[in-house]
All heavy atoms as atom14 arrays in JSON, in Angstrom:
{
  "sequence": "YDALFDCMPPEQVERRIASGEIEIAPIAFMRGRTLADSFIILDEAQ",
  "atom14_mask": [
    [1, 1, 1, 1, 1, 1, 1, 1, 1, 1, 1, 1, 0, 0],
    [1, 1, 1, 1, 1, 1, 1, 1, 0, 0, 0, 0, 0, 0],
    [1, 1, 1, 1, 1, 0, 0, 0, 0, 0, 0, 0, 0, 0],
    [1, 1, 1, 1, 1, 1, 1, 1, 0, 0, 0, 0, 0, 0],
    [1, 1, 1, 1, 1, 1, 1, 1, 1, 1, 1, 0, 0, 0],
    [1, 1, 1, 1, 1, 1, 1, 1, 0, 0, 0, 0, 0, 0],
    [1, 1, 1, 1, 1, 1, 0, 0, 0, 0, 0, 0, 0, 0],
    [1, 1, 1, 1, 1, 1, 1, 1, 0, 0, 0, 0, 0, 0],
    [1, 1, 1, 1, 1, 1, 1, 0, 0, 0, 0, 0, 0, 0],
    [1, 1, 1, 1, 1, 1, 1, 0, 0, 0, 0, 0, 0, 0],
    [1, 1, 1, 1, 1, 1, 1, 1, 1, 0, 0, 0, 0, 0],
    [1, 1, 1, 1, 1, 1, 1, 1, 1, 0, 0, 0, 0, 0],
    [1, 1, 1, 1, 1, 1, 1, 0, 0, 0, 0, 0, 0, 0],
    [1, 1, 1, 1, 1, 1, 1, 1, 1, 0, 0, 0, 0, 0],
    [1, 1, 1, 1, 1, 1, 1, 1, 1, 1, 1, 0, 0, 0],
    [1, 1, 1, 1, 1, 1, 1, 1, 1, 1, 1, 0, 0, 0],
    [1, 1, 1, 1, 1, 1, 1, 1, 0, 0, 0, 0, 0, 0],
    [1, 1, 1, 1, 1, 0, 0, 0, 0, 0, 0, 0, 0, 0],
    [1, 1, 1, 1, 1, 1, 0, 0, 0, 0, 0, 0, 0, 0],
    [1, 1, 1, 1, 0, 0, 0, 0, 0, 0, 0, 0, 0, 0],
    [1, 1, 1, 1, 1, 1, 1, 1, 1, 0, 0, 0, 0, 0],
    [1, 1, 1, 1, 1, 1, 1, 1, 0, 0, 0, 0, 0, 0],
    [1, 1, 1, 1, 1, 1, 1, 1, 1, 0, 0, 0, 0, 0],
    [1, 1, 1, 1, 1, 1, 1, 1, 0, 0, 0, 0, 0, 0],
    [1, 1, 1, 1, 1, 0, 0, 0, 0, 0, 0, 0, 0, 0],
    [1, 1, 1, 1, 1, 1, 1, 0, 0, 0, 0, 0, 0, 0],
    [1, 1, 1, 1, 1, 1, 1, 1, 0, 0, 0, 0, 0, 0],
    [1, 1, 1, 1, 1, 0, 0, 0, 0, 0, 0, 0, 0, 0],
    [1, 1, 1, 1, 1, 1, 1, 1, 1, 1, 1, 0, 0, 0],
    [1, 1, 1, 1, 1, 1, 1, 1, 0, 0, 0, 0, 0, 0],
    [1, 1, 1, 1, 1, 1, 1, 1, 1, 1, 1, 0, 0, 0],
    [1, 1, 1, 1, 0, 0, 0, 0, 0, 0, 0, 0, 0, 0],
    [1, 1, 1, 1, 1, 1, 1, 1, 1, 1, 1, 0, 0, 0],
    [1, 1, 1, 1, 1, 1, 1, 0, 0, 0, 0, 0, 0, 0],
    [1, 1, 1, 1, 1, 1, 1, 1, 0, 0, 0, 0, 0, 0],
    [1, 1, 1, 1, 1, 0, 0, 0, 0, 0, 0, 0, 0, 0],
    [1, 1, 1, 1, 1, 1, 1, 1, 0, 0, 0, 0, 0, 0],
    [1, 1, 1, 1, 1, 1, 0, 0, 0, 0, 0, 0, 0, 0],
    [1, 1, 1, 1, 1, 1, 1, 1, 1, 1, 1, 0, 0, 0],
    [1, 1, 1, 1, 1, 1, 1, 1, 0, 0, 0, 0, 0, 0],
    [1, 1, 1, 1, 1, 1, 1, 1, 0, 0, 0, 0, 0, 0],
    [1, 1, 1, 1, 1, 1, 1, 1, 0, 0, 0, 0, 0, 0],
    [1, 1, 1, 1, 1, 1, 1, 1, 0, 0, 0, 0, 0, 0],
    [1, 1, 1, 1, 1, 1, 1, 1, 1, 0, 0, 0, 0, 0],
    [1, 1, 1, 1, 1, 0, 0, 0, 0, 0, 0, 0, 0, 0],
    [1, 1, 1, 1, 1, 1, 1, 1, 1, 0, 0, 0, 0, 0]
  ],
  "atom14_positions": [
    [[-50.86, 243.04, 32.64], [-51.11, 243.94, 31.51], [-50.22, 243.57, 30.32], [-50.66, 243.55, 29.18], [-50.83, 245.39, 31.9], [-51.9, 246.05, 32.74], [-51.75, 246.21, 34.11], [-53.06, 246.55, 32.15], [-52.73, 246.85, 34.87], [-54.04, 247.18, 32.9], [-53.87, 247.32, 34.27], [-54.85, 247.94, 35.01], [0.0, 0.0, 0.0], [0.0, 0.0, 0.0]],
    [[-48.95, 243.29, 30.6], [-48.01, 242.95, 29.53], [-48.5, 241.73, 28.75], [-48.44, 241.7, 27.51], [-46.62, 242.69, 30.1], [-45.98, 243.94, 30.67], [-46.42, 245.05, 30.31], [-45.02, 243.81, 31.47], [0.0, 0.0, 0.0], [0.0, 0.0, 0.0], [0.0, 0.0, 0.0], [0.0, 0.0, 0.0], [0.0, 0.0, 0.0], [0.0, 0.0, 0.0]],
    [[-48.96, 240.7, 29.46], [-49.46, 239.49, 28.79], [-50.71, 239.8, 27.98], [-50.87, 239.3, 26.86], [-49.75, 238.41, 29.83], [0.0, 0.0, 0.0], [0.0, 0.0, 0.0], [0.0, 0.0, 0.0], [0.0, 0.0, 0.0], [0.0, 0.0, 0.0], [0.0, 0.0, 0.0], [0.0, 0.0, 0.0], [0.0, 0.0, 0.0], [0.0, 0.0, 0.0]],
    [[-51.58, 240.63, 28.52], [-52.8, 241.0, 27.79], [-52.48, 241.73, 26.49], [-53.03, 241.42, 25.43], [-53.68, 241.89, 28.66], [-54.7, 241.23, 29.58], [-55.43, 242.29, 30.4], [-55.7, 240.4, 28.78], [0.0, 0.0, 0.0], [0.0, 0.0, 0.0], [0.0, 0.0, 0.0], [0.0, 0.0, 0.0], [0.0, 0.0, 0.0], [0.0, 0.0, 0.0]],
    [[-51.59, 242.71, 26.57], [-51.25, 243.5, 25.39], [-50.56, 242.66, 24.33], [-50.57, 243.0, 23.15], [-50.36, 244.69, 25.77], [-51.09, 245.77, 26.54], [-50.49, 246.4, 27.61], [-52.37, 246.15, 26.17], [-51.16, 247.39, 28.31], [-53.06, 247.14, 26.87], [-52.45, 247.76, 27.94], [0.0, 0.0, 0.0], [0.0, 0.0, 0.0], [0.0, 0.0, 0.0]],
    [[-49.95, 241.55, 24.74], [-49.3, 240.66, 23.78], [-50.32, 239.81, 23.03], [-50.03, 239.3, 21.95], [-48.3, 239.76, 24.5], [-47.13, 239.37, 23.61], [-46.78, 240.17, 22.71], [-46.58, 238.28, 23.8], [0.0, 0.0, 0.0], [0.0, 0.0, 0.0], [0.0, 0.0, 0.0], [0.0, 0.0, 0.0], [0.0, 0.0, 0.0], [0.0, 0.0, 0.0]],
    [[-51.52, 239.66, 23.62], [-52.55, 238.8, 23.02], [-53.67, 239.58, 22.35], [-54.41, 239.01, 21.53], [-53.15, 237.88, 24.09], [-51.99, 236.68, 24.79], [0.0, 0.0, 0.0], [0.0, 0.0, 0.0], [0.0, 0.0, 0.0], [0.0, 0.0, 0.0], [0.0, 0.0, 0.0], [0.0, 0.0, 0.0], [0.0, 0.0, 0.0], [0.0, 0.0, 0.0]],
    [[-53.84, 240.86, 22.7], [-54.9, 241.68, 22.13], [-54.36, 243.06, 21.79], [-53.44, 243.54, 22.46], [-56.07, 241.84, 23.13], [-56.78, 240.57, 23.52], [-58.11, 240.91, 24.72], [-59.29, 241.74, 23.66], [0.0, 0.0, 0.0], [0.0, 0.0, 0.0], [0.0, 0.0, 0.0], [0.0, 0.0, 0.0], [0.0, 0.0, 0.0], [0.0, 0.0, 0.0]],
    [[-54.92, 243.71, 20.78], [-54.52, 245.08, 20.49], [-54.78, 245.98, 21.71], [-55.8, 245.8, 22.39], [-55.41, 245.47, 19.31], [-55.8, 244.17, 18.68], [-55.9, 243.19, 19.81], [0.0, 0.0, 0.0], [0.0, 0.0, 0.0], [0.0, 0.0, 0.0], [0.0, 0.0, 0.0], [0.0, 0.0, 0.0], [0.0, 0.0, 0.0], [0.0, 0.0, 0.0]],
    [[-53.88, 246.92, 22.0], [-54.03, 247.75, 23.21], [-55.38, 248.46, 23.29], [-55.96, 248.57, 24.38], [-52.88, 248.76, 23.07], [-51.86, 248.04, 22.25], [-52.63, 247.19, 21.28], [0.0, 0.0, 0.0], [0.0, 0.0, 0.0], [0.0, 0.0, 0.0], [0.0, 0.0, 0.0], [0.0, 0.0, 0.0], [0.0, 0.0, 0.0], [0.0, 0.0, 0.0]],
    [[-55.9, 248.94, 22.15], [-57.17, 249.66, 22.2], [-58.32, 248.74, 22.63], [-59.25, 249.18, 23.32], [-57.49, 250.32, 20.86], [-57.65, 249.36, 19.67], [-56.35, 248.98, 19.01], [-55.28, 249.33, 19.55], [-56.4, 248.33, 17.94], [0.0, 0.0, 0.0], [0.0, 0.0, 0.0], [0.0, 0.0, 0.0], [0.0, 0.0, 0.0], [0.0, 0.0, 0.0]],
    [[-58.25, 247.46, 22.23], [-59.27, 246.52, 22.66], [-59.16, 246.22, 24.15], [-60.18, 246.07, 24.85], [-59.17, 245.22, 21.86], [-59.69, 245.32, 20.44], [-59.96, 243.94, 19.84], [-60.23, 242.98, 20.56], [-59.89, 243.86, 18.53], [0.0, 0.0, 0.0], [0.0, 0.0, 0.0], [0.0, 0.0, 0.0], [0.0, 0.0, 0.0], [0.0, 0.0, 0.0]],
    [[-57.92, 246.1, 24.64], [-57.73, 245.86, 26.07], [-58.32, 247.01, 26.87], [-59.09, 246.79, 27.83], [-56.23, 245.69, 26.4], [-56.03, 245.59, 27.91], [-55.67, 244.46, 25.71], [0.0, 0.0, 0.0], [0.0, 0.0, 0.0], [0.0, 0.0, 0.0], [0.0, 0.0, 0.0], [0.0, 0.0, 0.0], [0.0, 0.0, 0.0], [0.0, 0.0, 0.0]],
    [[-58.0, 248.25, 26.47], [-58.5, 249.41, 27.21], [-60.03, 249.49, 27.14], [-60.68, 249.82, 28.14], [-57.88, 250.7, 26.63], [-56.36, 250.78, 26.78], [-55.91, 250.83, 28.23], [-56.76, 251.11, 29.12], [-54.71, 250.6, 28.49], [0.0, 0.0, 0.0], [0.0, 0.0, 0.0], [0.0, 0.0, 0.0], [0.0, 0.0, 0.0], [0.0, 0.0, 0.0]],
    [[-60.61, 249.19, 25.96], [-62.07, 249.25, 25.83], [-62.74, 248.2, 26.71], [-63.74, 248.49, 27.37], [-62.45, 249.04, 24.36], [-63.96, 249.01, 24.12], [-64.28, 248.98, 22.64], [-63.67, 247.83, 21.97], [-64.19, 246.59, 22.0], [-65.3, 246.35, 22.67], [-63.59, 245.62, 21.34], [0.0, 0.0, 0.0], [0.0, 0.0, 0.0], [0.0, 0.0, 0.0]],
    [[-62.18, 247.0, 26.73], [-62.79, 245.94, 27.54], [-62.59, 246.18, 29.03], [-63.44, 245.79, 29.84], [-62.22, 244.57, 27.12], [-62.68, 244.13, 25.72], [-62.03, 242.82, 25.32], [-62.35, 242.43, 23.95], [-63.35, 241.61, 23.6], [-64.15, 241.12, 24.54], [-63.56, 241.31, 22.34], [0.0, 0.0, 0.0], [0.0, 0.0, 0.0], [0.0, 0.0, 0.0]],
    [[-61.48, 246.81, 29.41], [-61.31, 247.18, 30.82], [-62.34, 248.23, 31.22], [-62.96, 248.15, 32.29], [-59.88, 247.69, 31.07], [-58.87, 246.54, 30.96], [-59.77, 248.36, 32.43], [-57.42, 246.97, 31.1], [0.0, 0.0, 0.0], [0.0, 0.0, 0.0], [0.0, 0.0, 0.0], [0.0, 0.0, 0.0], [0.0, 0.0, 0.0], [0.0, 0.0, 0.0]],
    [[-62.55, 249.21, 30.32], [-63.52, 250.27, 30.62], [-64.94, 249.72, 30.73], [-65.73, 250.18, 31.55], [-63.45, 251.34, 29.53], [0.0, 0.0, 0.0], [0.0, 0.0, 0.0], [0.0, 0.0, 0.0], [0.0, 0.0, 0.0], [0.0, 0.0, 0.0], [0.0, 0.0, 0.0], [0.0, 0.0, 0.0], [0.0, 0.0, 0.0], [0.0, 0.0, 0.0]],
    [[-65.26, 248.7, 29.93], [-66.6, 248.12, 29.96], [-66.78, 247.1, 31.08], [-67.91, 246.66, 31.34], [-66.91, 247.45, 28.63], [-66.12, 246.28, 28.44], [0.0, 0.0, 0.0], [0.0, 0.0, 0.0], [0.0, 0.0, 0.0], [0.0, 0.0, 0.0], [0.0, 0.0, 0.0], [0.0, 0.0, 0.0], [0.0, 0.0, 0.0], [0.0, 0.0, 0.0]],
    [[-65.69, 246.69, 31.73], [-65.78, 245.7, 32.8], [-65.61, 244.27, 32.34], [-65.63, 243.35, 33.17], [0.0, 0.0, 0.0], [0.0, 0.0, 0.0], [0.0, 0.0, 0.0], [0.0, 0.0, 0.0], [0.0, 0.0, 0.0], [0.0, 0.0, 0.0], [0.0, 0.0, 0.0], [0.0, 0.0, 0.0], [0.0, 0.0, 0.0], [0.0, 0.0, 0.0]],
    [[-65.42, 244.05, 31.03], [-65.2, 242.69, 30.54], [-63.86, 242.13, 31.03], [-63.72, 240.92, 31.23], [-65.22, 242.65, 29.01], [-66.57, 242.88, 28.38], [-66.47, 242.86, 26.87], [-66.48, 241.75, 26.31], [-66.36, 243.94, 26.26], [0.0, 0.0, 0.0], [0.0, 0.0, 0.0], [0.0, 0.0, 0.0], [0.0, 0.0, 0.0], [0.0, 0.0, 0.0]],
    [[-62.88, 243.02, 31.17], [-61.59, 242.63, 31.74], [-61.4, 243.41, 33.03], [-61.53, 244.64, 33.05], [-60.42, 242.92, 30.78], [-60.55, 242.09, 29.5], [-59.09, 242.63, 31.45], [-59.48, 242.38, 28.45], [0.0, 0.0, 0.0], [0.0, 0.0, 0.0], [0.0, 0.0, 0.0], [0.0, 0.0, 0.0], [0.0, 0.0, 0.0], [0.0, 0.0, 0.0]],
    [[-61.11, 242.69, 34.09], [-60.89, 243.33, 35.39], [-59.53, 242.87, 35.92], [-59.23, 241.68, 35.97], [-61.99, 242.93, 36.37], [-61.83, 243.55, 37.74], [-62.94, 243.13, 38.71], [-63.95, 242.57, 38.23], [-62.78, 243.36, 39.92], [0.0, 0.0, 0.0], [0.0, 0.0, 0.0], [0.0, 0.0, 0.0], [0.0, 0.0, 0.0], [0.0, 0.0, 0.0]],
    [[-58.71, 243.83, 36.31], [-57.4, 243.53, 36.88], [-57.35, 244.18, 38.25], [-57.45, 245.4, 38.37], [-56.27, 244.07, 35.98], [-56.41, 243.52, 34.55], [-54.92, 243.69, 36.55], [-55.39, 244.04, 33.58], [0.0, 0.0, 0.0], [0.0, 0.0, 0.0], [0.0, 0.0, 0.0], [0.0, 0.0, 0.0], [0.0, 0.0, 0.0], [0.0, 0.0, 0.0]],
    [[-57.25, 243.37, 39.3], [-57.36, 243.89, 40.65], [-56.58, 243.04, 41.63], [-56.39, 241.84, 41.4], [-58.84, 243.94, 41.07], [0.0, 0.0, 0.0], [0.0, 0.0, 0.0], [0.0, 0.0, 0.0], [0.0, 0.0, 0.0], [0.0, 0.0, 0.0], [0.0, 0.0, 0.0], [0.0, 0.0, 0.0], [0.0, 0.0, 0.0], [0.0, 0.0, 0.0]],
    [[-56.12, 243.63, 42.74], [-55.44, 242.83, 43.77], [-56.43, 241.87, 44.43], [-57.65, 242.08, 44.39], [-54.92, 243.88, 44.75], [-55.74, 245.1, 44.51], [-56.15, 245.07, 43.07], [0.0, 0.0, 0.0], [0.0, 0.0, 0.0], [0.0, 0.0, 0.0], [0.0, 0.0, 0.0], [0.0, 0.0, 0.0], [0.0, 0.0, 0.0], [0.0, 0.0, 0.0]],
    [[-55.9, 240.83, 45.05], [-56.75, 239.77, 45.59], [-57.69, 240.28, 46.68], [-58.79, 239.74, 46.86], [-55.87, 238.61, 46.13], [-56.74, 237.4, 46.46], [-55.03, 239.06, 47.3], [-55.94, 236.16, 46.8], [0.0, 0.0, 0.0], [0.0, 0.0, 0.0], [0.0, 0.0, 0.0], [0.0, 0.0, 0.0], [0.0, 0.0, 0.0], [0.0, 0.0, 0.0]],
    [[-57.31, 241.35, 47.37], [-58.17, 241.88, 48.43], [-59.53, 242.33, 47.9], [-60.52, 242.35, 48.63], [-57.46, 243.05, 49.13], [0.0, 0.0, 0.0], [0.0, 0.0, 0.0], [0.0, 0.0, 0.0], [0.0, 0.0, 0.0], [0.0, 0.0, 0.0], [0.0, 0.0, 0.0], [0.0, 0.0, 0.0], [0.0, 0.0, 0.0], [0.0, 0.0, 0.0]],
    [[-59.6, 242.65, 46.59], [-60.84, 243.13, 46.01], [-61.81, 241.99, 45.69], [-62.93, 242.24, 45.24], [-60.56, 243.92, 44.72], [-59.97, 245.29, 44.94], [-59.28, 245.59, 46.1], [-60.1, 246.27, 43.98], [-58.73, 246.84, 46.3], [-59.56, 247.54, 44.18], [-58.88, 247.81, 45.34], [0.0, 0.0, 0.0], [0.0, 0.0, 0.0], [0.0, 0.0, 0.0]],
    [[-61.4, 240.75, 45.89], [-62.23, 239.61, 45.52], [-63.2, 239.22, 46.64], [-64.16, 238.49, 46.39], [-61.35, 238.39, 45.19], [-60.4, 238.59, 44.02], [-61.24, 238.82, 42.44], [-60.87, 240.55, 42.13], [0.0, 0.0, 0.0], [0.0, 0.0, 0.0], [0.0, 0.0, 0.0], [0.0, 0.0, 0.0], [0.0, 0.0, 0.0], [0.0, 0.0, 0.0]],
    [[-62.97, 239.67, 47.85], [-63.78, 239.22, 48.98], [-65.26, 239.56, 48.79], [-65.61, 240.65, 48.33], [-63.26, 239.85, 50.28], [-63.97, 239.32, 51.53], [-63.33, 239.87, 52.8], [-61.95, 239.43, 52.95], [-61.59, 238.25, 53.44], [-62.53, 237.37, 53.79], [-60.32, 237.93, 53.55], [0.0, 0.0, 0.0], [0.0, 0.0, 0.0], [0.0, 0.0, 0.0]],
    [[-66.13, 238.6, 49.13], [-67.58, 238.82, 49.1], [-68.21, 238.67, 47.75], [-69.43, 238.86, 47.61], [0.0, 0.0, 0.0], [0.0, 0.0, 0.0], [0.0, 0.0, 0.0], [0.0, 0.0, 0.0], [0.0, 0.0, 0.0], [0.0, 0.0, 0.0], [0.0, 0.0, 0.0], [0.0, 0.0, 0.0], [0.0, 0.0, 0.0], [0.0, 0.0, 0.0]],
    [[-67.44, 238.3, 46.7], [-67.99, 238.23, 45.36], [-68.19, 236.78, 44.92], [-67.57, 235.86, 45.44], [-67.04, 238.91, 44.37], [-66.75, 240.35, 44.71], [-65.72, 240.94, 43.77], [-66.17, 240.94, 42.38], [-65.42, 241.33, 41.36], [-64.17, 241.73, 41.58], [-65.89, 241.31, 40.14], [0.0, 0.0, 0.0], [0.0, 0.0, 0.0], [0.0, 0.0, 0.0]],
    [[-69.07, 236.57, 43.95], [-69.22, 235.29, 43.27], [-68.89, 235.54, 41.8], [-69.54, 236.35, 41.14], [-70.65, 234.74, 43.4], [-70.93, 234.53, 44.79], [-70.77, 233.41, 42.65], [0.0, 0.0, 0.0], [0.0, 0.0, 0.0], [0.0, 0.0, 0.0], [0.0, 0.0, 0.0], [0.0, 0.0, 0.0], [0.0, 0.0, 0.0], [0.0, 0.0, 0.0]],
    [[-67.88, 234.86, 41.29], [-67.37, 235.13, 39.95], [-67.91, 234.07, 38.99], [-67.31, 233.0, 38.81], [-65.84, 235.14, 39.97], [-65.22, 236.09, 41.01], [-63.7, 235.95, 41.03], [-65.63, 237.54, 40.73], [0.0, 0.0, 0.0], [0.0, 0.0, 0.0], [0.0, 0.0, 0.0], [0.0, 0.0, 0.0], [0.0, 0.0, 0.0], [0.0, 0.0, 0.0]],
    [[-69.04, 234.38, 38.36], [-69.67, 233.45, 37.41], [-69.37, 233.89, 35.98], [-69.07, 235.06, 35.72], [-71.17, 233.41, 37.64], [0.0, 0.0, 0.0], [0.0, 0.0, 0.0], [0.0, 0.0, 0.0], [0.0, 0.0, 0.0], [0.0, 0.0, 0.0], [0.0, 0.0, 0.0], [0.0, 0.0, 0.0], [0.0, 0.0, 0.0], [0.0, 0.0, 0.0]],
    [[-69.45, 232.92, 35.03], [-69.2, 233.19, 33.62], [-67.88, 233.93, 33.41], [-67.78, 234.85, 32.6], [-70.35, 234.01, 33.01], [-71.65, 233.24, 33.01], [-71.67, 232.11, 32.52], [-72.65, 233.78, 33.52], [0.0, 0.0, 0.0], [0.0, 0.0, 0.0], [0.0, 0.0, 0.0], [0.0, 0.0, 0.0], [0.0, 0.0, 0.0], [0.0, 0.0, 0.0]],
    [[-66.86, 233.5, 34.13], [-65.6, 234.23, 34.14], [-64.42, 233.28, 33.99], [-64.48, 232.11, 34.37], [-65.43, 235.01, 35.44], [-66.51, 235.9, 35.65], [0.0, 0.0, 0.0], [0.0, 0.0, 0.0], [0.0, 0.0, 0.0], [0.0, 0.0, 0.0], [0.0, 0.0, 0.0], [0.0, 0.0, 0.0], [0.0, 0.0, 0.0], [0.0, 0.0, 0.0]],
    [[-63.35, 233.81, 33.42], [-62.06, 233.13, 33.44], [-61.21, 233.9, 34.43], [-60.93, 235.08, 34.23], [-61.4, 233.14, 32.06], [-60.32, 232.11, 31.89], [-60.49, 231.03, 31.06], [-59.12, 232.22, 32.59], [-59.49, 230.06, 30.92], [-58.13, 231.28, 32.46], [-58.31, 230.19, 31.62], [0.0, 0.0, 0.0], [0.0, 0.0, 0.0], [0.0, 0.0, 0.0]],
    [[-60.81, 233.24, 35.52], [-60.18, 233.91, 36.65], [-58.74, 233.41, 36.78], [-58.5, 232.2, 36.82], [-60.94, 233.61, 37.95], [-62.44, 233.84, 37.75], [-60.42, 234.44, 39.1], [-63.31, 232.88, 38.53], [0.0, 0.0, 0.0], [0.0, 0.0, 0.0], [0.0, 0.0, 0.0], [0.0, 0.0, 0.0], [0.0, 0.0, 0.0], [0.0, 0.0, 0.0]],
    [[-57.78, 234.33, 36.86], [-56.38, 233.97, 36.99], [-55.81, 234.66, 38.22], [-55.94, 235.89, 38.38], [-55.57, 234.38, 35.75], [-56.11, 233.67, 34.5], [-54.08, 234.06, 35.94], [-55.46, 234.14, 33.21], [0.0, 0.0, 0.0], [0.0, 0.0, 0.0], [0.0, 0.0, 0.0], [0.0, 0.0, 0.0], [0.0, 0.0, 0.0], [0.0, 0.0, 0.0]],
    [[-55.19, 233.89, 39.1], [-54.46, 234.44, 40.24], [-52.97, 234.2, 39.98], [-52.52, 233.07, 39.89], [-54.89, 233.75, 41.54], [-54.11, 234.17, 42.8], [-54.27, 235.66, 43.07], [-54.56, 233.34, 44.01], [0.0, 0.0, 0.0], [0.0, 0.0, 0.0], [0.0, 0.0, 0.0], [0.0, 0.0, 0.0], [0.0, 0.0, 0.0], [0.0, 0.0, 0.0]],
    [[-52.23, 235.28, 39.88], [-50.78, 235.19, 39.63], [-50.01, 235.41, 40.93], [-50.54, 236.01, 41.88], [-50.39, 236.24, 38.59], [-48.98, 236.02, 38.05], [-48.51, 234.86, 38.08], [-48.36, 237.0, 37.59], [0.0, 0.0, 0.0], [0.0, 0.0, 0.0], [0.0, 0.0, 0.0], [0.0, 0.0, 0.0], [0.0, 0.0, 0.0], [0.0, 0.0, 0.0]],
    [[-48.77, 234.94, 40.99], [-47.92, 235.07, 42.18], [-48.64, 234.54, 43.42], [-48.58, 235.12, 44.51], [-47.51, 236.53, 42.39], [-46.67, 237.11, 41.27], [-45.29, 236.46, 41.15], [-44.79, 235.94, 42.16], [-44.72, 236.48, 40.05], [0.0, 0.0, 0.0], [0.0, 0.0, 0.0], [0.0, 0.0, 0.0], [0.0, 0.0, 0.0], [0.0, 0.0, 0.0]],
    [[-49.32, 233.41, 43.26], [-50.16, 232.87, 44.33], [-49.36, 232.41, 45.54], [-49.93, 232.23, 46.63], [-51.0, 231.71, 43.79], [0.0, 0.0, 0.0], [0.0, 0.0, 0.0], [0.0, 0.0, 0.0], [0.0, 0.0, 0.0], [0.0, 0.0, 0.0], [0.0, 0.0, 0.0], [0.0, 0.0, 0.0], [0.0, 0.0, 0.0], [0.0, 0.0, 0.0]],
    [[-48.05, 232.21, 45.39], [-47.24, 231.8, 46.54], [-47.2, 232.89, 47.61], [-46.86, 232.62, 48.76], [-45.82, 231.45, 46.1], [-44.92, 232.62, 45.77], [-45.09, 233.1, 44.32], [-45.95, 232.58, 43.6], [-44.28, 234.04, 43.9], [0.0, 0.0, 0.0], [0.0, 0.0, 0.0], [0.0, 0.0, 0.0], [0.0, 0.0, 0.0], [0.0, 0.0, 0.0]]
  ]
}
């Protein structure tokens, strides 16, 4: 969230999260999905 707010105005971040354009979720939520047309970042991957 901190990195996002540094790159976009907070109101835009919240609006895009609400619309589903930005999704922030733990890795367990990724199972069973196919992520197309997306930019996907996994942090703390170790």
